[in-house]
Amino acid sequence: MSLQLTLACGDYDRTHPLIDGSVQPEGIELNWLVLPHLEIWTRMLNYYDFDASEISLSSYIIARSIGKPLTAIPVFPARAFRHSYIFINTKSHIREPKDLMGKRVGLAEFQQTATVWIRGTLQHEYGVNLDDIEWFTWVPHSRMEMALPKRYKVTHLTPDKKPDQMLFDGELDAIMIPSLFPSLFNPPPHVRRLFEDSPKVEAEYYKKTGIFPIMHSVALRQDVWEAHPWIARSLFKGFQRAKEDAYARLRDLSPYKISLAWFRGPVDEQQRILGDDPWPYGFEKNRYVVETLMGYLYEQGLAEKQLTYEGLFAPNTLDL
């Protein structure tokens, strides 16, 4: 008889085979819940509402640093390069990253993985002093309450304020976003990306650092893992098979499987830059990327202590 587990996670090509049942983790019957990210994070980090869930990697690391009863498996279903998610108002005289110092910059939330990566990249790759920026946050509620270091100048925007409109109107000089506002697909002439040729910049960043930034992992409730430690390996293998199924669909030479007229070029370019397994799972394959994010969290004052990489994951998954 299979163990029933409730798992909250996004519907991606890398996870869909687990949702439709074409891939089934051995010994597990999944009750898969597709929910908004902020709802998953809030419910899992504070109330442990699910047996397992996709989880913001930065929030998970912070949660582990303060002893919350969660343990992850080395599965990383969401990644994104972040240079292309910084928009500026050119009237604010921003020409290069260092020009952000002394400016008003909006972001959704400080502990959000996307903004941790952006800040860390700006600091380490471009010499931006994060303490010299006036920050404005806009999420209506934090996914997990935490005190921000006093060295930051932070103002929380009221609900009537729209960050994209504030950028357009010059009330903000720049914004860092996890996903695009619809208005940014056709912004005013004086609003643009900080890195105008962002695909090239992101590819060069990967070639230099080897980092394809991880956004999310998968976490188990500690009591569930302790009662059934075998599920960590079973879930890992299920996620791995689902990802391989997604790769096979991308590599299918049929012109009909994907609803894009010209998709072969981008797929080939991704393989040329990122290799045959651009979304790697597993412990050692992701050590450097996760340890880099851990370092950023500690430097930025968001993690109370430096953890070991090994301490983040279920011990019986460290050889995967």
C-alpha atoms as a PDB file:
ATOM      1  CA  MET A   1       0.000   0.000   0.000  1.00  0.00           C
ATOM      2  CA  SER A   2       1.386   3.389  -1.014  1.00  0.00           C
ATOM      3  CA  LEU A   3       1.999   6.186   1.453  1.00  0.00           C
ATOM      4  CA  GLN A   4      -0.206   9.196   0.728  1.00  0.00           C
ATOM      5  CA  LEU A   5       1.619  12.522   0.733  1.00  0.00           C
ATOM      6  CA  THR A   6       0.291  16.028   0.142  1.00  0.00           C
ATOM      7  CA  LEU A   7       2.804  18.071  -1.863  1.00  0.00           C
ATOM      8  CA  ALA A   8       2.334  21.727  -2.869  1.00  0.00           C
ATOM      9  CA  CYS A   9       4.379  22.698  -5.904  1.00  0.00           C
ATOM     10  CA  GLY A  10       4.171  24.538  -9.206  1.00  0.00           C
ATOM     11  CA  ASP A  11       3.118  23.018 -12.520  1.00  0.00           C
ATOM     12  CA  TYR A  12       6.235  23.187 -14.692  1.00  0.00           C
ATOM     13  CA  ASP A  13       7.298  21.007 -17.607  1.00  0.00           C
ATOM     14  CA  ARG A  14       9.809  19.512 -15.126  1.00  0.00           C
ATOM     15  CA  THR A  15       7.069  18.593 -12.628  1.00  0.00           C
ATOM     16  CA  HIS A  16       4.035  17.943 -14.817  1.00  0.00           C
ATOM     17  CA  PRO A  17       4.709  14.197 -15.241  1.00  0.00           C
ATOM     18  CA  LEU A  18       4.335  13.905 -11.459  1.00  0.00           C
ATOM     19  CA  ILE A  19       1.060  15.802 -11.622  1.00  0.00           C
ATOM     20  CA  ASP A  20      -0.521  13.783 -14.425  1.00  0.00           C
ATOM     21  CA  GLY A  21       0.698  10.513 -12.918  1.00  0.00           C
ATOM     22  CA  SER A  22       2.882   9.429 -15.828  1.00  0.00           C
ATOM     23  CA  VAL A  23       5.730   9.432 -13.294  1.00  0.00           C
ATOM     24  CA  GLN A  24       4.978   7.994  -9.860  1.00  0.00           C
ATOM     25  CA  PRO A  25       7.502   7.999  -6.984  1.00  0.00           C
ATOM     26  CA  GLU A  26       7.971   4.486  -5.704  1.00  0.00           C
ATOM     27  CA  GLY A  27       5.757   3.745  -2.698  1.00  0.00           C
ATOM     28  CA  ILE A  28       4.083   7.172  -2.715  1.00  0.00           C
ATOM     29  CA  GLU A  29       0.671   8.377  -3.809  1.00  0.00           C
ATOM     30  CA  LEU A  30       0.913  12.135  -4.316  1.00  0.00           C
ATOM     31  CA  ASN A  31      -1.874  14.584  -3.592  1.00  0.00           C
ATOM     32  CA  TRP A  32      -0.387  17.409  -5.669  1.00  0.00           C
ATOM     33  CA  LEU A  33      -1.580  20.949  -4.928  1.00  0.00           C
ATOM     34  CA  VAL A  34      -0.807  23.702  -7.440  1.00  0.00           C
ATOM     35  CA  LEU A  35      -0.932  26.919  -5.411  1.00  0.00           C
ATOM     36  CA  PRO A  36       0.548  30.432  -5.657  1.00  0.00           C
ATOM     37  CA  HIS A  37       4.121  30.579  -4.442  1.00  0.00           C
ATOM     38  CA  LEU A  38       3.529  33.077  -1.637  1.00  0.00           C
ATOM     39  CA  GLU A  39       0.686  30.940  -0.278  1.00  0.00           C
ATOM     40  CA  ILE A  40       2.889  27.820  -0.298  1.00  0.00           C
ATOM     41  CA  TRP A  41       5.767  29.620   1.394  1.00  0.00           C
ATOM     42  CA  THR A  42       3.572  31.211   4.064  1.00  0.00           C
ATOM     43  CA  ARG A  43       1.730  28.005   4.908  1.00  0.00           C
ATOM     44  CA  MET A  44       4.793  25.748   4.912  1.00  0.00           C
ATOM     45  CA  LEU A  45       7.198  28.072   6.734  1.00  0.00           C
ATOM     46  CA  ASN A  46       4.769  29.056   9.483  1.00  0.00           C
ATOM     47  CA  TYR A  47       2.124  26.342   9.793  1.00  0.00           C
ATOM     48  CA  TYR A  48       3.732  23.266   8.150  1.00  0.00           C
ATOM     49  CA  ASP A  49       0.476  22.654   6.270  1.00  0.00           C
ATOM     50  CA  PHE A  50       1.887  20.164   3.748  1.00  0.00           C
ATOM     51  CA  ASP A  51       3.834  16.929   4.028  1.00  0.00           C
ATOM     52  CA  ALA A  52       6.214  18.386   1.455  1.00  0.00           C
ATOM     53  CA  SER A  53       6.361  21.449  -0.743  1.00  0.00           C
ATOM     54  CA  GLU A  54       8.345  23.481  -3.171  1.00  0.00           C
ATOM     55  CA  ILE A  55      10.083  26.123  -1.075  1.00  0.00           C
ATOM     56  CA  SER A  56      11.875  29.413  -1.587  1.00  0.00           C
ATOM     57  CA  LEU A  57      15.518  28.436  -1.164  1.00  0.00           C
ATOM     58  CA  SER A  58      16.541  31.608   0.658  1.00  0.00           C
ATOM     59  CA  SER A  59      13.599  31.402   3.072  1.00  0.00           C
ATOM     60  CA  TYR A  60      14.322  27.731   3.671  1.00  0.00           C
ATOM     61  CA  ILE A  61      17.965  28.464   4.533  1.00  0.00           C
ATOM     62  CA  ILE A  62      16.835  31.228   6.911  1.00  0.00           C
ATOM     63  CA  ALA A  63      14.249  28.862   8.423  1.00  0.00           C
ATOM     64  CA  ARG A  64      16.904  26.197   9.029  1.00  0.00           C
ATOM     65  CA  SER A  65      19.195  28.776  10.624  1.00  0.00           C
ATOM     66  CA  ILE A  66      16.525  29.447  13.280  1.00  0.00           C
ATOM     67  CA  GLY A  67      15.625  25.803  13.785  1.00  0.00           C
ATOM     68  CA  LYS A  68      12.335  25.395  11.937  1.00  0.00           C
ATOM     69  CA  PRO A  69      11.396  21.692  11.532  1.00  0.00           C
ATOM     70  CA  LEU A  70      11.918  21.290   7.802  1.00  0.00           C
ATOM     71  CA  THR A  71      14.454  19.331   5.774  1.00  0.00           C
ATOM     72  CA  ALA A  72      15.079  19.585   2.043  1.00  0.00           C
ATOM     73  CA  ILE A  73      16.005  17.180  -0.690  1.00  0.00           C
ATOM     74  CA  PRO A  74      18.505  18.289  -3.373  1.00  0.00           C
ATOM     75  CA  VAL A  75      15.824  18.963  -5.980  1.00  0.00           C
ATOM     76  CA  PHE A  76      15.672  22.452  -7.491  1.00  0.00           C
ATOM     77  CA  PRO A  77      12.605  22.872  -9.728  1.00  0.00           C
ATOM     78  CA  ALA A  78      12.970  26.624 -10.289  1.00  0.00           C
ATOM     79  CA  ARG A  79      15.973  28.603 -11.519  1.00  0.00           C
ATOM     80  CA  ALA A  80      16.297  31.967 -13.237  1.00  0.00           C
ATOM     81  CA  PHE A  81      19.021  34.354 -14.267  1.00  0.00           C
ATOM     82  CA  ARG A  82      18.255  37.702 -12.660  1.00  0.00           C
ATOM     83  CA  HIS A  83      20.137  40.440 -14.556  1.00  0.00           C
ATOM     84  CA  SER A  84      17.090  40.924 -16.798  1.00  0.00           C
ATOM     85  CA  TYR A  85      14.767  41.635 -13.859  1.00  0.00           C
ATOM     86  CA  ILE A  86      16.233  45.007 -12.860  1.00  0.00           C
ATOM     87  CA  PHE A  87      14.469  48.000 -14.428  1.00  0.00           C
ATOM     88  CA  ILE A  88      15.549  51.630 -14.153  1.00  0.00           C
ATOM     89  CA  ASN A  89      14.167  55.076 -14.822  1.00  0.00           C
ATOM     90  CA  THR A  90      16.779  56.676 -17.084  1.00  0.00           C
ATOM     91  CA  LYS A  91      15.780  60.142 -15.814  1.00  0.00           C
ATOM     92  CA  SER A  92      17.411  59.119 -12.526  1.00  0.00           C
ATOM     93  CA  HIS A  93      20.828  59.181 -14.271  1.00  0.00           C
ATOM     94  CA  ILE A  94      21.503  55.471 -13.812  1.00  0.00           C
ATOM     95  CA  ARG A  95      23.904  54.194 -16.437  1.00  0.00           C
ATOM     96  CA  GLU A  96      25.667  51.340 -14.673  1.00  0.00           C
ATOM     97  CA  PRO A  97      25.098  49.232 -11.537  1.00  0.00           C
ATOM     98  CA  LYS A  98      27.129  51.474  -9.208  1.00  0.00           C
ATOM     99  CA  ASP A  99      24.745  54.323 -10.053  1.00  0.00           C
ATOM    100  CA  LEU A 100      22.114  52.546  -7.936  1.00  0.00           C
ATOM    101  CA  MET A 101      23.934  53.707  -4.821  1.00  0.00           C
ATOM    102  CA  GLY A 102      22.124  56.643  -3.282  1.00  0.00           C
ATOM    103  CA  LYS A 103      18.974  55.829  -5.250  1.00  0.00           C
ATOM    104  CA  ARG A 104      15.452  54.641  -4.330  1.00  0.00           C
ATOM    105  CA  VAL A 105      15.090  50.990  -5.284  1.00  0.00           C
ATOM    106  CA  GLY A 106      11.945  48.898  -4.946  1.00  0.00           C
ATOM    107  CA  LEU A 107      11.778  45.168  -4.320  1.00  0.00           C
ATOM    108  CA  ALA A 108       9.004  42.854  -3.226  1.00  0.00           C
ATOM    109  CA  GLU A 109      10.639  41.427  -0.121  1.00  0.00           C
ATOM    110  CA  PHE A 110      14.160  41.262   1.302  1.00  0.00           C
ATOM    111  CA  GLN A 111      14.217  37.503   1.935  1.00  0.00           C
ATOM    112  CA  GLN A 112      12.880  36.646  -1.524  1.00  0.00           C
ATOM    113  CA  THR A 113      15.443  34.444  -3.277  1.00  0.00           C
ATOM    114  CA  ALA A 114      15.353  36.489  -6.482  1.00  0.00           C
ATOM    115  CA  THR A 115      16.266  39.704  -4.672  1.00  0.00           C
ATOM    116  CA  VAL A 116      18.950  37.996  -2.567  1.00  0.00           C
ATOM    117  CA  TRP A 117      20.613  36.814  -5.787  1.00  0.00           C
ATOM    118  CA  ILE A 118      20.276  40.249  -7.406  1.00  0.00           C
ATOM    119  CA  ARG A 119      21.782  42.063  -4.425  1.00  0.00           C
ATOM    120  CA  GLY A 120      24.599  39.543  -4.086  1.00  0.00           C
ATOM    121  CA  THR A 121      25.409  39.768  -7.788  1.00  0.00           C
ATOM    122  CA  LEU A 122      25.391  43.564  -7.736  1.00  0.00           C
ATOM    123  CA  GLN A 123      27.715  43.591  -4.733  1.00  0.00           C
ATOM    124  CA  HIS A 124      30.182  40.939  -5.842  1.00  0.00           C
ATOM    125  CA  GLU A 125      30.207  41.391  -9.606  1.00  0.00           C
ATOM    126  CA  TYR A 126      29.752  45.176  -9.844  1.00  0.00           C
ATOM    127  CA  GLY A 127      30.953  46.661  -6.537  1.00  0.00           C
ATOM    128  CA  VAL A 128      27.573  48.019  -5.407  1.00  0.00           C
ATOM    129  CA  ASN A 129      27.405  48.932  -1.697  1.00  0.00           C
ATOM    130  CA  LEU A 130      23.969  47.690  -0.649  1.00  0.00           C
ATOM    131  CA  ASP A 131      23.943  49.885   2.458  1.00  0.00           C
ATOM    132  CA  ASP A 132      24.008  52.999   0.257  1.00  0.00           C
ATOM    133  CA  ILE A 133      20.622  52.243  -1.342  1.00  0.00           C
ATOM    134  CA  GLU A 134      17.251  53.428  -0.051  1.00  0.00           C
ATOM    135  CA  TRP A 135      15.007  50.357  -0.232  1.00  0.00           C
ATOM    136  CA  PHE A 136      11.237  50.189  -0.694  1.00  0.00           C
ATOM    137  CA  THR A 137       9.336  46.899  -0.222  1.00  0.00           C
ATOM    138  CA  TRP A 138       5.797  46.136  -1.354  1.00  0.00           C
ATOM    139  CA  VAL A 139       4.563  42.642  -0.430  1.00  0.00           C
ATOM    140  CA  PRO A 140       1.384  42.925   1.679  1.00  0.00           C
ATOM    141  CA  HIS A 141       2.711  40.449   4.237  1.00  0.00           C
ATOM    142  CA  SER A 142       5.999  38.663   4.747  1.00  0.00           C
ATOM    143  CA  ARG A 143       6.110  34.918   4.082  1.00  0.00           C
ATOM    144  CA  MET A 144       8.018  34.547   7.386  1.00  0.00           C
ATOM    145  CA  GLU A 145       8.472  37.291   9.923  1.00  0.00           C
ATOM    146  CA  MET A 146      12.045  38.350  10.519  1.00  0.00           C
ATOM    147  CA  ALA A 147      13.877  41.473  11.593  1.00  0.00           C
ATOM    148  CA  LEU A 148      15.990  43.199   8.960  1.00  0.00           C
ATOM    149  CA  PRO A 149      19.466  44.476   9.855  1.00  0.00           C
ATOM    150  CA  LYS A 150      19.350  48.075  11.020  1.00  0.00           C
ATOM    151  CA  ARG A 151      22.024  49.066   8.502  1.00  0.00           C
ATOM    152  CA  TYR A 152      19.430  49.056   5.714  1.00  0.00           C
ATOM    153  CA  LYS A 153      17.184  52.017   5.011  1.00  0.00           C
ATOM    154  CA  VAL A 154      13.829  50.321   4.322  1.00  0.00           C
ATOM    155  CA  THR A 155      10.359  51.788   3.759  1.00  0.00           C
ATOM    156  CA  HIS A 156       7.316  49.580   3.261  1.00  0.00           C
ATOM    157  CA  LEU A 157       4.948  50.877   0.587  1.00  0.00           C
ATOM    158  CA  THR A 158       1.260  51.211   1.333  1.00  0.00           C
ATOM    159  CA  PRO A 159      -1.149  48.922  -0.620  1.00  0.00           C
ATOM    160  CA  ASP A 160      -2.344  51.774  -2.851  1.00  0.00           C
ATOM    161  CA  LYS A 161       1.164  52.210  -4.284  1.00  0.00           C
ATOM    162  CA  LYS A 162       1.980  50.381  -7.528  1.00  0.00           C
ATOM    163  CA  PRO A 163       5.741  49.795  -7.912  1.00  0.00           C
ATOM    164  CA  ASP A 164       5.762  49.833 -11.709  1.00  0.00           C
ATOM    165  CA  GLN A 165       3.825  53.099 -11.806  1.00  0.00           C
ATOM    166  CA  MET A 166       6.137  54.592  -9.174  1.00  0.00           C
ATOM    167  CA  LEU A 167       9.071  53.694 -11.421  1.00  0.00           C
ATOM    168  CA  PHE A 168       7.376  55.287 -14.430  1.00  0.00           C
ATOM    169  CA  ASP A 169       6.582  58.445 -12.426  1.00  0.00           C
ATOM    170  CA  GLY A 170      10.071  58.749 -10.942  1.00  0.00           C
ATOM    171  CA  GLU A 171       9.042  58.014  -7.361  1.00  0.00           C
ATOM    172  CA  LEU A 172      11.361  55.013  -7.571  1.00  0.00           C
ATOM    173  CA  ASP A 173      14.635  55.085  -9.479  1.00  0.00           C
ATOM    174  CA  ALA A 174      14.767  51.327 -10.047  1.00  0.00           C
ATOM    175  CA  ILE A 175      12.928  48.108  -9.211  1.00  0.00           C
ATOM    176  CA  MET A 176      14.082  44.499  -8.808  1.00  0.00           C
ATOM    177  CA  ILE A 177      11.310  42.044  -9.567  1.00  0.00           C
ATOM    178  CA  PRO A 178      10.821  38.261  -9.409  1.00  0.00           C
ATOM    179  CA  SER A 179       8.604  38.261 -12.512  1.00  0.00           C
ATOM    180  CA  LEU A 180       7.557  40.886 -15.044  1.00  0.00           C
ATOM    181  CA  PHE A 181       4.689  43.267 -14.490  1.00  0.00           C
ATOM    182  CA  PRO A 182       2.496  43.325 -17.646  1.00  0.00           C
ATOM    183  CA  SER A 183       3.256  47.039 -17.995  1.00  0.00           C
ATOM    184  CA  LEU A 184       6.962  46.280 -18.456  1.00  0.00           C
ATOM    185  CA  PHE A 185       6.393  44.456 -21.724  1.00  0.00           C
ATOM    186  CA  ASN A 186       5.810  47.883 -23.262  1.00  0.00           C
ATOM    187  CA  PRO A 187       7.232  50.447 -20.834  1.00  0.00           C
ATOM    188  CA  PRO A 188       7.558  54.198 -21.367  1.00  0.00           C
ATOM    189  CA  PRO A 189      10.639  55.315 -23.349  1.00  0.00           C
ATOM    190  CA  HIS A 190      12.455  56.462 -20.201  1.00  0.00           C
ATOM    191  CA  VAL A 191      12.202  53.022 -18.530  1.00  0.00           C
ATOM    192  CA  ARG A 192      14.485  50.142 -19.519  1.00  0.00           C
ATOM    193  CA  ARG A 193      16.437  47.217 -18.143  1.00  0.00           C
ATOM    194  CA  LEU A 194      19.633  48.081 -16.290  1.00  0.00           C
ATOM    195  CA  PHE A 195      21.404  45.487 -18.447  1.00  0.00           C
ATOM    196  CA  GLU A 196      20.073  46.206 -21.916  1.00  0.00           C
ATOM    197  CA  ASP A 197      21.576  43.124 -23.561  1.00  0.00           C
ATOM    198  CA  SER A 198      20.638  40.939 -20.614  1.00  0.00           C
ATOM    199  CA  PRO A 199      20.725  37.516 -22.366  1.00  0.00           C
ATOM    200  CA  LYS A 200      24.350  38.150 -23.352  1.00  0.00           C
ATOM    201  CA  VAL A 201      25.215  39.442 -19.872  1.00  0.00           C
ATOM    202  CA  GLU A 202      23.576  36.429 -18.223  1.00  0.00           C
ATOM    203  CA  ALA A 203      25.370  33.980 -20.516  1.00  0.00           C
ATOM    204  CA  GLU A 204      28.699  35.673 -19.736  1.00  0.00           C
ATOM    205  CA  TYR A 205      27.876  35.538 -16.012  1.00  0.00           C
ATOM    206  CA  TYR A 206      27.282  31.788 -16.295  1.00  0.00           C
ATOM    207  CA  LYS A 207      30.507  31.241 -18.219  1.00  0.00           C
ATOM    208  CA  LYS A 208      32.423  33.183 -15.568  1.00  0.00           C
ATOM    209  CA  THR A 209      30.798  31.770 -12.419  1.00  0.00           C
ATOM    210  CA  GLY A 210      29.100  28.509 -13.409  1.00  0.00           C
ATOM    211  CA  ILE A 211      25.996  29.757 -11.604  1.00  0.00           C
ATOM    212  CA  PHE A 212      22.478  29.272 -12.958  1.00  0.00           C
ATOM    213  CA  PRO A 213      20.750  30.774  -9.898  1.00  0.00           C
ATOM    214  CA  ILE A 214      18.516  28.397  -7.948  1.00  0.00           C
ATOM    215  CA  MET A 215      15.237  29.902  -6.773  1.00  0.00           C
ATOM    216  CA  HIS A 216      13.401  26.986  -5.136  1.00  0.00           C
ATOM    217  CA  SER A 217      14.031  23.605  -3.572  1.00  0.00           C
ATOM    218  CA  VAL A 218      11.693  20.930  -2.158  1.00  0.00           C
ATOM    219  CA  ALA A 219      11.278  20.556   1.609  1.00  0.00           C
ATOM    220  CA  LEU A 220       9.713  17.881   3.800  1.00  0.00           C
ATOM    221  CA  ARG A 221       8.134  18.435   7.165  1.00  0.00           C
ATOM    222  CA  GLN A 222      10.677  17.132   9.644  1.00  0.00           C
ATOM    223  CA  ASP A 223       8.252  14.793  11.409  1.00  0.00           C
ATOM    224  CA  VAL A 224       7.146  13.280   8.091  1.00  0.00           C
ATOM    225  CA  TRP A 225      10.740  12.620   7.031  1.00  0.00           C
ATOM    226  CA  GLU A 226      11.673  11.166  10.425  1.00  0.00           C
ATOM    227  CA  ALA A 227       8.679   8.791  10.304  1.00  0.00           C
ATOM    228  CA  HIS A 228       9.377   7.723   6.703  1.00  0.00           C
ATOM    229  CA  PRO A 229      12.988   8.602   5.791  1.00  0.00           C
ATOM    230  CA  TRP A 230      12.820   6.542   2.585  1.00  0.00           C
ATOM    231  CA  ILE A 231      10.446   9.080   0.998  1.00  0.00           C
ATOM    232  CA  ALA A 232      13.322  11.569   0.543  1.00  0.00           C
ATOM    233  CA  ARG A 233      15.060   9.287  -1.938  1.00  0.00           C
ATOM    234  CA  SER A 234      11.827   8.204  -3.580  1.00  0.00           C
ATOM    235  CA  LEU A 235      10.731  11.797  -4.170  1.00  0.00           C
ATOM    236  CA  PHE A 236      14.175  12.728  -5.482  1.00  0.00           C
ATOM    237  CA  LYS A 237      14.067   9.917  -8.026  1.00  0.00           C
ATOM    238  CA  GLY A 238      10.519  10.863  -9.046  1.00  0.00           C
ATOM    239  CA  PHE A 239      11.478  14.502  -9.620  1.00  0.00           C
ATOM    240  CA  GLN A 240      14.547  13.369 -11.563  1.00  0.00           C
ATOM    241  CA  ARG A 241      12.485  11.120 -13.873  1.00  0.00           C
ATOM    242  CA  ALA A 242       9.936  13.903 -14.427  1.00  0.00           C
ATOM    243  CA  LYS A 243      12.720  16.310 -15.405  1.00  0.00           C
ATOM    244  CA  GLU A 244      14.204  13.780 -17.823  1.00  0.00           C
ATOM    245  CA  ASP A 245      10.758  13.417 -19.399  1.00  0.00           C
ATOM    246  CA  ALA A 246      10.661  17.209 -19.918  1.00  0.00           C
ATOM    247  CA  TYR A 247      14.116  17.120 -21.519  1.00  0.00           C
ATOM    248  CA  ALA A 248      12.962  14.379 -23.890  1.00  0.00           C
ATOM    249  CA  ARG A 249      10.036  16.520 -25.010  1.00  0.00           C
ATOM    250  CA  LEU A 250      12.333  19.458 -25.712  1.00  0.00           C
ATOM    251  CA  ARG A 251      14.677  17.254 -27.705  1.00  0.00           C
ATOM    252  CA  ASP A 252      11.886  15.640 -29.731  1.00  0.00           C
ATOM    253  CA  LEU A 253      12.472  16.532 -33.371  1.00  0.00           C
ATOM    254  CA  SER A 254       8.753  16.678 -34.161  1.00  0.00           C
ATOM    255  CA  PRO A 255       7.610  20.204 -35.129  1.00  0.00           C
ATOM    256  CA  TYR A 256       4.250  19.684 -33.401  1.00  0.00           C
ATOM    257  CA  LYS A 257       4.955  18.846 -29.742  1.00  0.00           C
ATOM    258  CA  ILE A 258       5.604  22.410 -28.573  1.00  0.00           C
ATOM    259  CA  SER A 259       3.349  25.344 -29.481  1.00  0.00           C
ATOM    260  CA  LEU A 260       6.182  27.444 -30.865  1.00  0.00           C
ATOM    261  CA  ALA A 261       6.987  27.851 -34.537  1.00  0.00           C
ATOM    262  CA  TRP A 262      10.707  28.456 -33.891  1.00  0.00           C
ATOM    263  CA  PHE A 263      11.879  26.666 -30.765  1.00  0.00           C
ATOM    264  CA  ARG A 264      14.792  24.567 -31.961  1.00  0.00           C
ATOM    265  CA  GLY A 265      17.233  27.508 -32.003  1.00  0.00           C
ATOM    266  CA  PRO A 266      16.689  28.533 -28.345  1.00  0.00           C
ATOM    267  CA  VAL A 267      16.831  24.884 -27.241  1.00  0.00           C
ATOM    268  CA  ASP A 268      20.129  24.379 -29.079  1.00  0.00           C
ATOM    269  CA  GLU A 269      21.534  27.635 -27.675  1.00  0.00           C
ATOM    270  CA  GLN A 270      20.596  26.637 -24.132  1.00  0.00           C
ATOM    271  CA  GLN A 271      22.355  23.303 -24.589  1.00  0.00           C
ATOM    272  CA  ARG A 272      25.433  25.030 -26.000  1.00  0.00           C
ATOM    273  CA  ILE A 273      25.693  27.384 -23.019  1.00  0.00           C
ATOM    274  CA  LEU A 274      24.313  25.330 -20.124  1.00  0.00           C
ATOM    275  CA  GLY A 275      25.072  21.792 -21.280  1.00  0.00           C
ATOM    276  CA  ASP A 276      22.993  18.625 -21.449  1.00  0.00           C
ATOM    277  CA  ASP A 277      21.539  18.995 -17.931  1.00  0.00           C
ATOM    278  CA  PRO A 278      20.862  22.705 -17.416  1.00  0.00           C
ATOM    279  CA  TRP A 279      18.525  22.104 -14.423  1.00  0.00           C
ATOM    280  CA  PRO A 280      20.680  19.682 -12.389  1.00  0.00           C
ATOM    281  CA  TYR A 281      19.402  17.975  -9.256  1.00  0.00           C
ATOM    282  CA  GLY A 282      21.633  16.260  -6.745  1.00  0.00           C
ATOM    283  CA  PHE A 283      23.855  17.160  -3.820  1.00  0.00           C
ATOM    284  CA  GLU A 284      27.339  17.701  -5.232  1.00  0.00           C
ATOM    285  CA  LYS A 285      26.200  19.142  -8.568  1.00  0.00           C
ATOM    286  CA  ASN A 286      24.644  22.096  -6.757  1.00  0.00           C
ATOM    287  CA  ARG A 287      27.074  22.658  -3.896  1.00  0.00           C
ATOM    288  CA  TYR A 288      28.723  25.796  -5.282  1.00  0.00           C
ATOM    289  CA  VAL A 289      25.476  27.507  -6.287  1.00  0.00           C
ATOM    290  CA  VAL A 290      23.755  26.855  -2.943  1.00  0.00           C
ATOM    291  CA  GLU A 291      26.844  27.779  -0.924  1.00  0.00           C
ATOM    292  CA  THR A 292      27.051  31.048  -2.866  1.00  0.00           C
ATOM    293  CA  LEU A 293      23.460  31.875  -1.914  1.00  0.00           C
ATOM    294  CA  MET A 294      24.162  30.875   1.700  1.00  0.00           C
ATOM    295  CA  GLY A 295      27.089  33.291   1.710  1.00  0.00           C
ATOM    296  CA  TYR A 296      24.926  36.106   0.350  1.00  0.00           C
ATOM    297  CA  LEU A 297      22.280  35.507   3.027  1.00  0.00           C
ATOM    298  CA  TYR A 298      24.866  35.667   5.794  1.00  0.00           C
ATOM    299  CA  GLU A 299      26.585  38.750   4.328  1.00  0.00           C
ATOM    300  CA  GLN A 300      23.265  40.526   3.912  1.00  0.00           C
ATOM    301  CA  GLY A 301      22.343  39.806   7.536  1.00  0.00           C
ATOM    302  CA  LEU A 302      19.348  37.618   6.744  1.00  0.00           C
ATOM    303  CA  ALA A 303      20.663  34.298   8.101  1.00  0.00           C
ATOM    304  CA  GLU A 304      21.492  34.379  11.785  1.00  0.00           C
ATOM    305  CA  LYS A 305      24.370  31.942  11.445  1.00  0.00           C
ATOM    306  CA  GLN A 306      26.380  30.220   8.765  1.00  0.00           C
ATOM    307  CA  LEU A 307      25.139  26.698   8.176  1.00  0.00           C
ATOM    308  CA  THR A 308      26.945  23.813   6.561  1.00  0.00           C
ATOM    309  CA  TYR A 309      25.765  22.807   3.111  1.00  0.00           C
ATOM    310  CA  GLU A 310      25.357  19.220   4.304  1.00  0.00           C
ATOM    311  CA  GLY A 311      23.059  20.393   7.100  1.00  0.00           C
ATOM    312  CA  LEU A 312      20.416  21.628   4.669  1.00  0.00           C
ATOM    313  CA  PHE A 313      19.454  18.255   3.207  1.00  0.00           C
ATOM    314  CA  ALA A 314      18.109  14.918   4.363  1.00  0.00           C
ATOM    315  CA  PRO A 315      21.198  12.840   5.234  1.00  0.00           C
ATOM    316  CA  ASN A 316      20.018   9.912   3.117  1.00  0.00           C
ATOM    317  CA  THR A 317      20.065  12.093  -0.025  1.00  0.00           C
ATOM    318  CA  LEU A 318      23.662  13.318   0.215  1.00  0.00           C
ATOM    319  CA  ASP A 319      24.900  10.635  -2.188  1.00  0.00           C
ATOM    320  CA  LEU A 320      22.319  11.484  -4.861  1.00  0.00           C
END
